Amino acid sequence: MKYLFLLTILFITTKHALSKKIKSTRGRSRIVLDVKPADSETDMVKLEEAVRKVRMNGVEWRTSRLVPIAYGIQKLRIECMVDNTVDVSTLRETISELEDLVQSVDLVSEKEEEEEEELTHYSYRVVLDVKPAVSETDMAKMEEAVRRVSIPGVKWGSSKLLPIAYGIQKLQIECTVVDTVDIPTLQETITKAKDLVQSVDVVSFSELRKGH
């Protein structure tokens, strides 16, 4: 009888421990990945299809959207739910193996997501034309200098190069701003990069509706 009692206790204890173990291995978390295309000609629809075809135990693909980078190029931002048994580094490496379509895969931090969420409360979309200092100006360096301009309430968006004349181009870049931002000050700050920038003009200034 005593033996049977001890056996019952052992069975209950083992069952409880096993139950806890199973429960812990089923823990899930949400992650967001930024997938950059191999080049500017990459078909983003095919890229997303290829990413979603990546199958790993414990990975469930969710929503996605395209996010502008620069020069009309976009990246895929995709969400997935993962079990706590999933090695996220291995998942990223597996996606990166799609070399014909993918350049890189980055994990999006909560801070980055929060900063993007703030955009829904911003008031205006501004488009600027930035002309280079000289015809030999490196346009990539010029854009880098513009995007390095950090003013509270300003978030840089998509951009593209537009021809002016004689093979010279200008940078047209979009930003989202709160209503406290002084646009002339923003323009002046950009033109301080005199080795790269000749002038900055406002192309358009439009009010944003909340959530856009």
N, C-alpha and C. Protein backbone atom coordinates (compact mmCIF):
# COMPACT_ATOMS: atom_id res chain seq x y z
N MET A 1 0.84 -1.21 0.00
CA MET A 1 0.00 0.00 0.00
C MET A 1 0.87 1.26 0.00
N LYS A 2 1.91 1.20 0.84
CA LYS A 2 2.83 2.34 0.92
C LYS A 2 3.52 2.55 -0.41
N TYR A 3 3.89 1.41 -1.05
CA TYR A 3 4.56 1.47 -2.35
C TYR A 3 3.65 2.11 -3.39
N LEU A 4 2.35 1.73 -3.38
CA LEU A 4 1.37 2.27 -4.32
C LEU A 4 1.19 3.77 -4.11
N PHE A 5 1.19 4.19 -2.84
CA PHE A 5 1.04 5.61 -2.51
C PHE A 5 2.22 6.42 -3.07
N LEU A 6 3.44 5.89 -2.86
CA LEU A 6 4.64 6.58 -3.35
C LEU A 6 4.65 6.64 -4.87
N LEU A 7 4.18 5.58 -5.50
CA LEU A 7 4.12 5.52 -6.96
C LEU A 7 3.15 6.57 -7.51
N THR A 8 2.02 6.71 -6.80
CA THR A 8 1.02 7.70 -7.20
C THR A 8 1.57 9.12 -7.09
N ILE A 9 2.28 9.40 -5.98
CA ILE A 9 2.89 10.72 -5.78
C ILE A 9 3.91 11.01 -6.87
N LEU A 10 4.71 9.99 -7.20
CA LEU A 10 5.74 10.15 -8.24
C LEU A 10 5.10 10.44 -9.59
N PHE A 11 3.98 9.75 -9.87
CA PHE A 11 3.27 9.94 -11.14
C PHE A 11 2.72 11.36 -11.25
N ILE A 12 2.10 11.84 -10.16
CA ILE A 12 1.52 13.19 -10.15
C ILE A 12 2.61 14.25 -10.32
N THR A 13 3.73 14.06 -9.60
CA THR A 13 4.84 15.01 -9.67
C THR A 13 5.44 15.07 -11.07
N THR A 14 5.63 13.89 -11.66
CA THR A 14 6.20 13.81 -13.02
C THR A 14 5.26 14.45 -14.03
N LYS A 15 3.97 14.17 -13.88
CA LYS A 15 2.97 14.73 -14.79
C LYS A 15 2.94 16.25 -14.70
N HIS A 16 3.04 16.78 -13.49
CA HIS A 16 3.03 18.23 -13.27
C HIS A 16 4.26 18.88 -13.90
N ALA A 17 5.42 18.24 -13.70
CA ALA A 17 6.67 18.77 -14.26
C ALA A 17 6.63 18.75 -15.78
N LEU A 18 6.11 17.65 -16.33
CA LEU A 18 6.01 17.52 -17.79
C LEU A 18 5.06 18.56 -18.35
N SER A 19 3.95 18.78 -17.64
CA SER A 19 2.96 19.77 -18.06
C SER A 19 3.58 21.15 -18.12
N LYS A 20 4.38 21.50 -17.10
CA LYS A 20 5.05 22.80 -17.05
C LYS A 20 6.04 22.94 -18.19
N LYS A 21 6.75 21.84 -18.48
CA LYS A 21 7.75 21.87 -19.55
C LYS A 21 7.08 22.10 -20.90
N ILE A 22 5.98 21.37 -21.14
CA ILE A 22 5.24 21.53 -22.40
C ILE A 22 4.72 22.95 -22.53
N LYS A 23 4.19 23.47 -21.42
CA LYS A 23 3.64 24.83 -21.43
C LYS A 23 4.72 25.85 -21.76
N SER A 24 5.92 25.69 -21.18
CA SER A 24 7.00 26.65 -21.40
C SER A 24 7.50 26.60 -22.83
N THR A 25 7.52 25.39 -23.44
CA THR A 25 8.01 25.29 -24.81
C THR A 25 7.01 25.84 -25.81
N ARG A 26 5.79 26.07 -25.35
CA ARG A 26 4.78 26.61 -26.25
C ARG A 26 4.67 28.13 -26.16
N GLY A 27 5.55 28.76 -25.39
CA GLY A 27 5.54 30.21 -25.30
C GLY A 27 5.82 30.82 -26.66
N ARG A 28 5.12 31.89 -27.00
CA ARG A 28 5.28 32.51 -28.31
C ARG A 28 5.55 33.99 -28.15
N SER A 29 6.23 34.52 -29.13
CA SER A 29 6.48 35.96 -29.12
C SER A 29 6.38 36.50 -30.54
N ARG A 30 6.18 37.81 -30.63
CA ARG A 30 6.03 38.48 -31.93
C ARG A 30 7.35 39.14 -32.30
N ILE A 31 7.80 38.92 -33.53
CA ILE A 31 8.98 39.62 -34.02
C ILE A 31 8.66 40.27 -35.36
N VAL A 32 9.40 41.32 -35.68
CA VAL A 32 9.23 42.02 -36.95
C VAL A 32 10.57 42.07 -37.66
N LEU A 33 10.57 41.72 -38.95
CA LEU A 33 11.80 41.70 -39.73
C LEU A 33 11.75 42.71 -40.87
N ASP A 34 12.88 43.36 -41.12
CA ASP A 34 13.04 44.22 -42.29
C ASP A 34 13.88 43.46 -43.31
N VAL A 35 13.29 43.21 -44.48
CA VAL A 35 13.99 42.46 -45.53
C VAL A 35 14.28 43.41 -46.69
N LYS A 36 15.57 43.68 -46.91
CA LYS A 36 15.97 44.59 -47.99
C LYS A 36 16.19 43.81 -49.28
N PRO A 37 15.72 44.37 -50.41
CA PRO A 37 15.86 43.67 -51.70
C PRO A 37 17.30 43.64 -52.19
N ALA A 38 17.61 42.68 -53.06
CA ALA A 38 18.96 42.53 -53.59
C ALA A 38 19.40 43.76 -54.38
N ASP A 39 18.46 44.36 -55.12
CA ASP A 39 18.76 45.58 -55.88
C ASP A 39 17.47 46.33 -56.18
N SER A 40 17.61 47.46 -56.87
CA SER A 40 16.44 48.32 -57.14
C SER A 40 15.43 47.68 -58.09
N GLU A 41 15.87 46.65 -58.85
CA GLU A 41 14.96 46.00 -59.81
C GLU A 41 14.24 44.78 -59.22
N THR A 42 14.52 44.47 -57.98
CA THR A 42 13.92 43.27 -57.36
C THR A 42 12.40 43.36 -57.34
N ASP A 43 11.74 42.29 -57.74
CA ASP A 43 10.28 42.21 -57.71
C ASP A 43 9.87 41.96 -56.25
N MET A 44 9.25 42.97 -55.63
CA MET A 44 8.92 42.87 -54.20
C MET A 44 7.83 41.84 -53.92
N VAL A 45 6.97 41.60 -54.91
CA VAL A 45 5.93 40.57 -54.73
C VAL A 45 6.59 39.19 -54.65
N LYS A 46 7.55 38.95 -55.56
CA LYS A 46 8.26 37.67 -55.54
C LYS A 46 9.10 37.52 -54.28
N LEU A 47 9.68 38.65 -53.83
CA LEU A 47 10.48 38.61 -52.61
C LEU A 47 9.63 38.18 -51.42
N GLU A 48 8.45 38.79 -51.30
CA GLU A 48 7.58 38.42 -50.17
C GLU A 48 7.12 36.97 -50.27
N GLU A 49 6.78 36.54 -51.48
CA GLU A 49 6.37 35.14 -51.67
C GLU A 49 7.47 34.18 -51.22
N ALA A 50 8.72 34.53 -51.58
CA ALA A 50 9.85 33.68 -51.21
C ALA A 50 10.05 33.63 -49.70
N VAL A 51 9.88 34.79 -49.06
CA VAL A 51 10.03 34.85 -47.60
C VAL A 51 8.96 33.99 -46.93
N ARG A 52 7.73 34.11 -47.39
CA ARG A 52 6.63 33.35 -46.77
C ARG A 52 6.75 31.84 -47.03
N LYS A 53 7.53 31.47 -48.04
CA LYS A 53 7.74 30.04 -48.32
C LYS A 53 8.78 29.43 -47.38
N VAL A 54 9.49 30.29 -46.65
CA VAL A 54 10.46 29.78 -45.68
C VAL A 54 9.68 29.10 -44.55
N ARG A 55 9.90 27.82 -44.38
CA ARG A 55 9.17 27.05 -43.37
C ARG A 55 10.12 26.60 -42.26
N MET A 56 9.79 26.98 -41.04
CA MET A 56 10.52 26.51 -39.87
C MET A 56 9.51 26.16 -38.79
N ASN A 57 9.76 25.11 -38.07
CA ASN A 57 8.87 24.72 -36.97
C ASN A 57 8.78 25.86 -35.96
N GLY A 58 7.54 26.25 -35.65
CA GLY A 58 7.34 27.30 -34.66
C GLY A 58 7.29 28.70 -35.23
N VAL A 59 7.31 28.83 -36.57
CA VAL A 59 7.24 30.16 -37.20
C VAL A 59 5.92 30.30 -37.95
N GLU A 60 5.20 31.36 -37.67
CA GLU A 60 3.93 31.63 -38.35
C GLU A 60 3.95 33.05 -38.91
N TRP A 61 3.95 33.19 -40.24
CA TRP A 61 3.99 34.51 -40.87
C TRP A 61 2.68 35.25 -40.70
N ARG A 62 2.77 36.54 -40.48
CA ARG A 62 1.58 37.37 -40.28
C ARG A 62 1.55 38.50 -41.32
N THR A 63 1.19 39.71 -40.89
CA THR A 63 1.01 40.84 -41.80
C THR A 63 2.34 41.39 -42.31
N SER A 64 2.27 42.14 -43.40
CA SER A 64 3.47 42.75 -43.97
C SER A 64 3.11 44.04 -44.69
N ARG A 65 4.12 44.86 -44.96
CA ARG A 65 3.93 46.07 -45.76
C ARG A 65 5.28 46.50 -46.32
N LEU A 66 5.22 47.36 -47.33
CA LEU A 66 6.44 47.88 -47.93
C LEU A 66 6.77 49.23 -47.32
N VAL A 67 8.04 49.43 -47.00
CA VAL A 67 8.51 50.67 -46.38
C VAL A 67 9.56 51.31 -47.27
N PRO A 68 9.42 52.60 -47.62
CA PRO A 68 10.42 53.26 -48.48
C PRO A 68 11.78 53.37 -47.81
N ILE A 69 12.84 53.21 -48.62
CA ILE A 69 14.21 53.39 -48.12
C ILE A 69 14.80 54.66 -48.73
N ALA A 70 15.13 54.59 -50.03
CA ALA A 70 15.71 55.74 -50.73
C ALA A 70 15.70 55.47 -52.23
N TYR A 71 15.74 56.54 -53.01
CA TYR A 71 15.79 56.43 -54.47
C TYR A 71 14.67 55.55 -55.03
N GLY A 72 13.51 55.61 -54.41
CA GLY A 72 12.38 54.83 -54.89
C GLY A 72 12.42 53.36 -54.50
N ILE A 73 13.45 52.95 -53.75
CA ILE A 73 13.58 51.55 -53.32
C ILE A 73 12.77 51.32 -52.04
N GLN A 74 12.18 50.14 -51.94
CA GLN A 74 11.41 49.79 -50.75
C GLN A 74 11.97 48.52 -50.11
N LYS A 75 11.65 48.35 -48.83
CA LYS A 75 12.01 47.11 -48.13
C LYS A 75 10.72 46.48 -47.64
N LEU A 76 10.77 45.18 -47.40
CA LEU A 76 9.61 44.45 -46.88
C LEU A 76 9.70 44.39 -45.36
N ARG A 77 8.68 44.88 -44.70
CA ARG A 77 8.60 44.74 -43.24
C ARG A 77 7.52 43.70 -42.96
N ILE A 78 7.94 42.60 -42.36
CA ILE A 78 7.01 41.48 -42.17
C ILE A 78 7.03 40.99 -40.72
N GLU A 79 5.85 40.67 -40.23
CA GLU A 79 5.68 40.24 -38.84
C GLU A 79 5.48 38.73 -38.79
N CYS A 80 5.99 38.11 -37.73
CA CYS A 80 5.71 36.69 -37.54
C CYS A 80 5.67 36.35 -36.06
N MET A 81 4.95 35.29 -35.75
CA MET A 81 4.90 34.76 -34.39
C MET A 81 5.85 33.57 -34.33
N VAL A 82 6.67 33.54 -33.28
CA VAL A 82 7.63 32.44 -33.17
C VAL A 82 7.55 31.79 -31.79
N ASP A 83 7.73 30.47 -31.77
CA ASP A 83 7.84 29.76 -30.49
C ASP A 83 9.18 30.10 -29.87
N ASN A 84 9.28 29.92 -28.55
CA ASN A 84 10.55 30.25 -27.90
C ASN A 84 11.65 29.24 -28.19
N THR A 85 11.32 28.22 -28.99
CA THR A 85 12.34 27.25 -29.42
C THR A 85 13.00 27.68 -30.72
N VAL A 86 12.46 28.72 -31.36
CA VAL A 86 12.98 29.17 -32.66
C VAL A 86 14.23 30.03 -32.48
N ASP A 87 15.27 29.73 -33.24
CA ASP A 87 16.49 30.54 -33.26
C ASP A 87 16.29 31.62 -34.32
N VAL A 88 16.07 32.86 -33.88
CA VAL A 88 15.78 33.96 -34.80
C VAL A 88 16.96 34.21 -35.75
N SER A 89 18.18 34.03 -35.26
CA SER A 89 19.36 34.22 -36.11
C SER A 89 19.35 33.23 -37.28
N THR A 90 18.95 32.00 -37.00
CA THR A 90 18.86 30.98 -38.05
C THR A 90 17.77 31.34 -39.04
N LEU A 91 16.66 31.87 -38.55
CA LEU A 91 15.57 32.30 -39.42
C LEU A 91 16.06 33.39 -40.36
N ARG A 92 16.77 34.37 -39.83
CA ARG A 92 17.30 35.47 -40.65
C ARG A 92 18.29 34.95 -41.69
N GLU A 93 19.15 34.04 -41.28
CA GLU A 93 20.14 33.47 -42.20
C GLU A 93 19.46 32.69 -43.32
N THR A 94 18.40 31.97 -42.98
CA THR A 94 17.67 31.19 -43.98
C THR A 94 17.05 32.10 -45.03
N ILE A 95 16.49 33.22 -44.59
CA ILE A 95 15.90 34.18 -45.54
C ILE A 95 17.00 34.82 -46.38
N SER A 96 18.14 35.12 -45.76
CA SER A 96 19.26 35.75 -46.47
C SER A 96 19.83 34.87 -47.56
N GLU A 97 19.58 33.57 -47.48
CA GLU A 97 20.06 32.64 -48.50
C GLU A 97 19.34 32.82 -49.84
N LEU A 98 18.26 33.61 -49.84
CA LEU A 98 17.55 33.93 -51.09
C LEU A 98 18.30 35.06 -51.78
N GLU A 99 19.54 34.78 -52.19
CA GLU A 99 20.46 35.82 -52.64
C GLU A 99 19.99 36.58 -53.88
N ASP A 100 19.21 35.92 -54.75
CA ASP A 100 18.72 36.60 -55.96
C ASP A 100 17.70 37.68 -55.63
N LEU A 101 17.11 37.59 -54.44
CA LEU A 101 16.05 38.52 -54.05
C LEU A 101 16.39 39.36 -52.83
N VAL A 102 17.19 38.82 -51.94
CA VAL A 102 17.41 39.45 -50.63
C VAL A 102 18.85 39.93 -50.44
N GLN A 103 18.98 41.18 -49.97
CA GLN A 103 20.29 41.72 -49.63
C GLN A 103 20.61 41.48 -48.16
N SER A 104 19.63 41.79 -47.28
CA SER A 104 19.86 41.63 -45.84
C SER A 104 18.53 41.49 -45.11
N VAL A 105 18.62 40.96 -43.88
CA VAL A 105 17.44 40.78 -43.03
C VAL A 105 17.78 41.30 -41.64
N ASP A 106 17.03 42.29 -41.17
CA ASP A 106 17.28 42.89 -39.86
C ASP A 106 16.07 42.72 -38.94
N LEU A 107 16.36 42.56 -37.67
CA LEU A 107 15.31 42.48 -36.66
C LEU A 107 14.93 43.90 -36.24
N VAL A 108 13.65 44.24 -36.32
CA VAL A 108 13.18 45.58 -35.97
C VAL A 108 12.95 45.66 -34.47
N SER A 109 13.55 46.66 -33.85
CA SER A 109 13.42 46.82 -32.39
C SER A 109 12.08 47.47 -32.04
N GLU A 110 11.68 47.34 -30.78
CA GLU A 110 10.44 47.96 -30.32
C GLU A 110 10.54 49.48 -30.45
N LYS A 111 11.73 50.03 -30.22
CA LYS A 111 11.93 51.47 -30.32
C LYS A 111 11.65 51.96 -31.73
N GLU A 112 12.14 51.23 -32.73
CA GLU A 112 11.90 51.60 -34.13
C GLU A 112 10.41 51.57 -34.44
N GLU A 113 9.73 50.56 -33.93
CA GLU A 113 8.28 50.46 -34.17
C GLU A 113 7.54 51.62 -33.51
N GLU A 114 7.97 51.97 -32.30
CA GLU A 114 7.33 53.07 -31.57
C GLU A 114 7.53 54.39 -32.31
N GLU A 115 8.73 54.58 -32.86
CA GLU A 115 9.01 55.81 -33.61
C GLU A 115 8.12 55.90 -34.84
N GLU A 116 7.90 54.76 -35.51
CA GLU A 116 7.01 54.76 -36.67
C GLU A 116 5.57 55.02 -36.26
N GLU A 117 5.19 54.47 -35.12
CA GLU A 117 3.83 54.67 -34.62
C GLU A 117 3.57 56.14 -34.36
N GLU A 118 4.61 56.87 -33.95
CA GLU A 118 4.47 58.30 -33.68
C GLU A 118 4.07 59.07 -34.93
N LEU A 119 4.42 58.53 -36.09
CA LEU A 119 4.09 59.21 -37.34
C LEU A 119 2.59 59.42 -37.51
N THR A 120 1.79 58.54 -36.90
CA THR A 120 0.35 58.67 -37.04
C THR A 120 -0.18 59.92 -36.35
N HIS A 121 0.65 60.53 -35.47
CA HIS A 121 0.23 61.73 -34.77
C HIS A 121 0.84 62.99 -35.40
N TYR A 122 1.67 62.81 -36.40
CA TYR A 122 2.32 63.96 -37.04
C TYR A 122 1.35 64.65 -37.99
N SER A 123 1.62 65.92 -38.25
CA SER A 123 0.61 66.76 -38.89
C SER A 123 0.79 67.02 -40.38
N TYR A 124 2.04 67.10 -40.87
CA TYR A 124 2.25 67.53 -42.25
C TYR A 124 3.26 66.66 -43.00
N ARG A 125 3.02 66.54 -44.30
CA ARG A 125 3.99 65.89 -45.19
C ARG A 125 4.62 66.98 -46.05
N VAL A 126 5.93 67.04 -46.01
CA VAL A 126 6.66 68.06 -46.76
C VAL A 126 7.57 67.38 -47.78
N VAL A 127 7.58 67.91 -49.00
CA VAL A 127 8.48 67.41 -50.04
C VAL A 127 9.47 68.51 -50.38
N LEU A 128 10.76 68.17 -50.33
CA LEU A 128 11.82 69.15 -50.56
C LEU A 128 12.63 68.80 -51.81
N ASP A 129 13.04 69.83 -52.53
CA ASP A 129 14.00 69.67 -53.63
C ASP A 129 15.35 70.15 -53.14
N VAL A 130 16.33 69.26 -53.14
CA VAL A 130 17.68 69.62 -52.68
C VAL A 130 18.62 69.58 -53.88
N LYS A 131 19.16 70.76 -54.24
CA LYS A 131 20.06 70.84 -55.40
C LYS A 131 21.51 70.70 -54.95
N PRO A 132 22.31 69.97 -55.74
CA PRO A 132 23.71 69.74 -55.37
C PRO A 132 24.56 70.99 -55.54
N ALA A 133 25.66 71.03 -54.79
CA ALA A 133 26.55 72.19 -54.84
C ALA A 133 27.18 72.36 -56.22
N VAL A 134 27.62 71.26 -56.81
CA VAL A 134 28.24 71.30 -58.15
C VAL A 134 27.79 70.06 -58.93
N SER A 135 28.09 70.04 -60.22
CA SER A 135 27.66 68.92 -61.06
C SER A 135 28.33 67.61 -60.67
N GLU A 136 29.50 67.70 -60.01
CA GLU A 136 30.23 66.49 -59.61
C GLU A 136 29.84 65.99 -58.22
N THR A 137 28.89 66.64 -57.59
CA THR A 137 28.49 66.24 -56.22
C THR A 137 28.03 64.78 -56.17
N ASP A 138 28.52 64.07 -55.18
CA ASP A 138 28.11 62.68 -54.97
C ASP A 138 26.71 62.71 -54.35
N MET A 139 25.71 62.28 -55.14
CA MET A 139 24.32 62.40 -54.69
C MET A 139 24.00 61.47 -53.52
N ALA A 140 24.69 60.34 -53.46
CA ALA A 140 24.47 59.42 -52.33
C ALA A 140 24.94 60.06 -51.03
N LYS A 141 26.11 60.71 -51.09
CA LYS A 141 26.64 61.39 -49.90
C LYS A 141 25.76 62.57 -49.51
N MET A 142 25.22 63.25 -50.53
CA MET A 142 24.35 64.38 -50.25
C MET A 142 23.09 63.91 -49.53
N GLU A 143 22.51 62.82 -49.99
CA GLU A 143 21.31 62.31 -49.32
C GLU A 143 21.62 61.87 -47.89
N GLU A 144 22.77 61.23 -47.71
CA GLU A 144 23.18 60.82 -46.36
C GLU A 144 23.26 62.04 -45.43
N ALA A 145 23.81 63.14 -45.97
CA ALA A 145 23.95 64.37 -45.17
C ALA A 145 22.58 64.93 -44.81
N VAL A 146 21.65 64.88 -45.76
CA VAL A 146 20.30 65.37 -45.51
C VAL A 146 19.63 64.53 -44.42
N ARG A 147 19.71 63.22 -44.55
CA ARG A 147 19.05 62.33 -43.59
C ARG A 147 19.69 62.39 -42.20
N ARG A 148 20.93 62.86 -42.14
CA ARG A 148 21.58 63.01 -40.84
C ARG A 148 21.07 64.23 -40.08
N VAL A 149 20.38 65.12 -40.79
CA VAL A 149 19.81 66.29 -40.12
C VAL A 149 18.75 65.79 -39.15
N SER A 150 18.98 66.03 -37.88
CA SER A 150 18.08 65.52 -36.84
C SER A 150 17.45 66.68 -36.08
N ILE A 151 16.18 66.91 -36.37
CA ILE A 151 15.41 67.96 -35.69
C ILE A 151 14.20 67.29 -35.05
N PRO A 152 13.94 67.54 -33.77
CA PRO A 152 12.78 66.94 -33.11
C PRO A 152 11.49 67.19 -33.90
N GLY A 153 10.74 66.11 -34.16
CA GLY A 153 9.49 66.26 -34.89
C GLY A 153 9.61 66.06 -36.38
N VAL A 154 10.83 65.75 -36.88
CA VAL A 154 11.04 65.51 -38.32
C VAL A 154 11.41 64.05 -38.54
N LYS A 155 10.68 63.39 -39.44
CA LYS A 155 10.98 62.01 -39.81
C LYS A 155 11.16 61.94 -41.32
N TRP A 156 12.33 61.47 -41.75
CA TRP A 156 12.60 61.38 -43.18
C TRP A 156 11.90 60.18 -43.80
N GLY A 157 11.43 60.37 -45.04
CA GLY A 157 10.73 59.30 -45.74
C GLY A 157 11.39 58.93 -47.05
N SER A 158 10.60 58.70 -48.08
CA SER A 158 11.12 58.25 -49.37
C SER A 158 11.80 59.38 -50.13
N SER A 159 12.59 59.00 -51.13
CA SER A 159 13.30 59.99 -51.93
C SER A 159 13.53 59.47 -53.33
N LYS A 160 13.89 60.37 -54.23
CA LYS A 160 14.23 59.97 -55.60
C LYS A 160 15.08 61.07 -56.22
N LEU A 161 15.81 60.70 -57.27
CA LEU A 161 16.63 61.67 -58.00
C LEU A 161 15.88 62.10 -59.25
N LEU A 162 15.88 63.40 -59.51
CA LEU A 162 15.20 63.95 -60.68
C LEU A 162 16.20 64.75 -61.51
N PRO A 163 16.13 64.63 -62.84
CA PRO A 163 17.06 65.38 -63.69
C PRO A 163 16.75 66.87 -63.70
N ILE A 164 17.81 67.68 -63.76
CA ILE A 164 17.64 69.14 -63.89
C ILE A 164 18.02 69.54 -65.30
N ALA A 165 19.32 69.47 -65.60
CA ALA A 165 19.82 69.80 -66.94
C ALA A 165 21.27 69.38 -67.06
N TYR A 166 21.70 69.12 -68.30
CA TYR A 166 23.11 68.79 -68.58
C TYR A 166 23.61 67.62 -67.71
N GLY A 167 22.74 66.65 -67.48
CA GLY A 167 23.14 65.48 -66.72
C GLY A 167 23.15 65.67 -65.21
N ILE A 168 22.79 66.87 -64.75
CA ILE A 168 22.76 67.16 -63.31
C ILE A 168 21.41 66.71 -62.74
N GLN A 169 21.44 66.20 -61.53
CA GLN A 169 20.22 65.76 -60.86
C GLN A 169 20.02 66.50 -59.54
N LYS A 170 18.80 66.47 -59.07
CA LYS A 170 18.50 67.01 -57.74
C LYS A 170 17.86 65.90 -56.92
N LEU A 171 17.92 66.03 -55.62
CA LEU A 171 17.30 65.06 -54.72
C LEU A 171 15.94 65.58 -54.29
N GLN A 172 14.90 64.79 -54.53
CA GLN A 172 13.57 65.14 -54.02
C GLN A 172 13.28 64.17 -52.87
N ILE A 173 13.09 64.74 -51.70
CA ILE A 173 12.94 63.91 -50.50
C ILE A 173 11.73 64.34 -49.67
N GLU A 174 11.05 63.35 -49.13
CA GLU A 174 9.83 63.59 -48.35
C GLU A 174 10.13 63.48 -46.86
N CYS A 175 9.46 64.28 -46.07
CA CYS A 175 9.56 64.13 -44.62
C CYS A 175 8.21 64.42 -43.99
N THR A 176 8.01 63.88 -42.81
CA THR A 176 6.79 64.12 -42.06
C THR A 176 7.16 64.94 -40.84
N VAL A 177 6.40 66.02 -40.59
CA VAL A 177 6.77 66.94 -39.51
C VAL A 177 5.57 67.27 -38.63
N VAL A 178 5.87 67.58 -37.36
CA VAL A 178 4.82 68.08 -36.47
C VAL A 178 4.65 69.57 -36.73
N ASP A 179 3.55 70.11 -36.25
CA ASP A 179 3.26 71.51 -36.57
C ASP A 179 4.16 72.51 -35.85
N THR A 180 5.01 72.03 -34.94
CA THR A 180 5.92 72.94 -34.24
C THR A 180 7.24 73.12 -35.00
N VAL A 181 7.45 72.33 -36.04
CA VAL A 181 8.70 72.42 -36.81
C VAL A 181 8.68 73.65 -37.72
N ASP A 182 9.76 74.43 -37.65
CA ASP A 182 9.90 75.60 -38.52
C ASP A 182 10.60 75.17 -39.81
N ILE A 183 9.86 75.18 -40.91
CA ILE A 183 10.40 74.69 -42.19
C ILE A 183 11.61 75.50 -42.67
N PRO A 184 11.59 76.85 -42.60
CA PRO A 184 12.78 77.61 -43.00
C PRO A 184 14.03 77.20 -42.22
N THR A 185 13.85 76.89 -40.94
CA THR A 185 14.99 76.44 -40.13
C THR A 185 15.49 75.09 -40.62
N LEU A 186 14.56 74.21 -41.00
CA LEU A 186 14.93 72.91 -41.55
C LEU A 186 15.73 73.10 -42.83
N GLN A 187 15.26 74.00 -43.71
CA GLN A 187 15.96 74.28 -44.96
C GLN A 187 17.37 74.81 -44.69
N GLU A 188 17.47 75.76 -43.78
CA GLU A 188 18.77 76.37 -43.45
C GLU A 188 19.73 75.33 -42.89
N THR A 189 19.21 74.44 -42.07
CA THR A 189 20.05 73.40 -41.47
C THR A 189 20.63 72.48 -42.54
N ILE A 190 19.81 72.14 -43.53
CA ILE A 190 20.29 71.28 -44.62
C ILE A 190 21.35 71.98 -45.45
N THR A 191 21.15 73.27 -45.73
CA THR A 191 22.09 74.01 -46.58
C THR A 191 23.43 74.28 -45.89
N LYS A 192 23.53 73.96 -44.61
CA LYS A 192 24.82 74.11 -43.92
C LYS A 192 25.87 73.14 -44.47
N ALA A 193 25.40 72.09 -45.13
CA ALA A 193 26.33 71.14 -45.78
C ALA A 193 26.75 71.75 -47.12
N LYS A 194 27.50 72.85 -47.06
CA LYS A 194 27.82 73.65 -48.25
C LYS A 194 28.62 72.90 -49.30
N ASP A 195 29.42 71.94 -48.87
CA ASP A 195 30.21 71.17 -49.84
C ASP A 195 29.34 70.28 -50.71
N LEU A 196 28.12 70.03 -50.24
CA LEU A 196 27.22 69.12 -50.96
C LEU A 196 25.95 69.78 -51.46
N VAL A 197 25.45 70.77 -50.73
CA VAL A 197 24.13 71.35 -51.03
C VAL A 197 24.23 72.80 -51.50
N GLN A 198 23.52 73.08 -52.61
CA GLN A 198 23.44 74.46 -53.11
C GLN A 198 22.21 75.16 -52.56
N SER A 199 21.06 74.47 -52.63
CA SER A 199 19.81 75.09 -52.16
C SER A 199 18.78 74.03 -51.81
N VAL A 200 17.78 74.46 -51.03
CA VAL A 200 16.67 73.58 -50.63
C VAL A 200 15.36 74.32 -50.83
N ASP A 201 14.48 73.77 -51.65
CA ASP A 201 13.19 74.40 -51.92
C ASP A 201 12.04 73.48 -51.51
N VAL A 202 10.95 74.09 -51.06
CA VAL A 202 9.76 73.32 -50.70
C VAL A 202 8.92 73.09 -51.95
N VAL A 203 8.68 71.82 -52.27
CA VAL A 203 7.87 71.46 -53.43
C VAL A 203 6.40 71.40 -53.05
N SER A 204 6.12 70.78 -51.93
CA SER A 204 4.72 70.69 -51.47
C SER A 204 4.67 70.60 -49.95
N PHE A 205 3.53 71.02 -49.42
CA PHE A 205 3.32 71.05 -47.97
C PHE A 205 1.85 70.72 -47.75
N SER A 206 1.58 69.51 -47.25
CA SER A 206 0.19 69.09 -47.13
C SER A 206 -0.11 68.52 -45.75
N GLU A 207 -1.32 68.77 -45.29
CA GLU A 207 -1.73 68.29 -43.97
C GLU A 207 -2.03 66.81 -44.03
N LEU A 208 -1.65 66.11 -42.99
CA LEU A 208 -1.91 64.67 -42.90
C LEU A 208 -3.11 64.42 -42.01
N ARG A 209 -3.93 63.47 -42.40
CA ARG A 209 -5.01 63.03 -41.51
C ARG A 209 -4.44 62.00 -40.56
N LYS A 210 -4.96 61.95 -39.37
CA LYS A 210 -4.48 60.99 -38.37
C LYS A 210 -4.62 59.57 -38.91
N GLY A 211 -3.52 58.81 -38.76
CA GLY A 211 -3.54 57.43 -39.21
C GLY A 211 -3.02 57.26 -40.61
N HIS A 212 -2.66 58.38 -41.34
CA HIS A 212 -2.12 58.28 -42.68
C HIS A 212 -0.62 58.41 -42.65
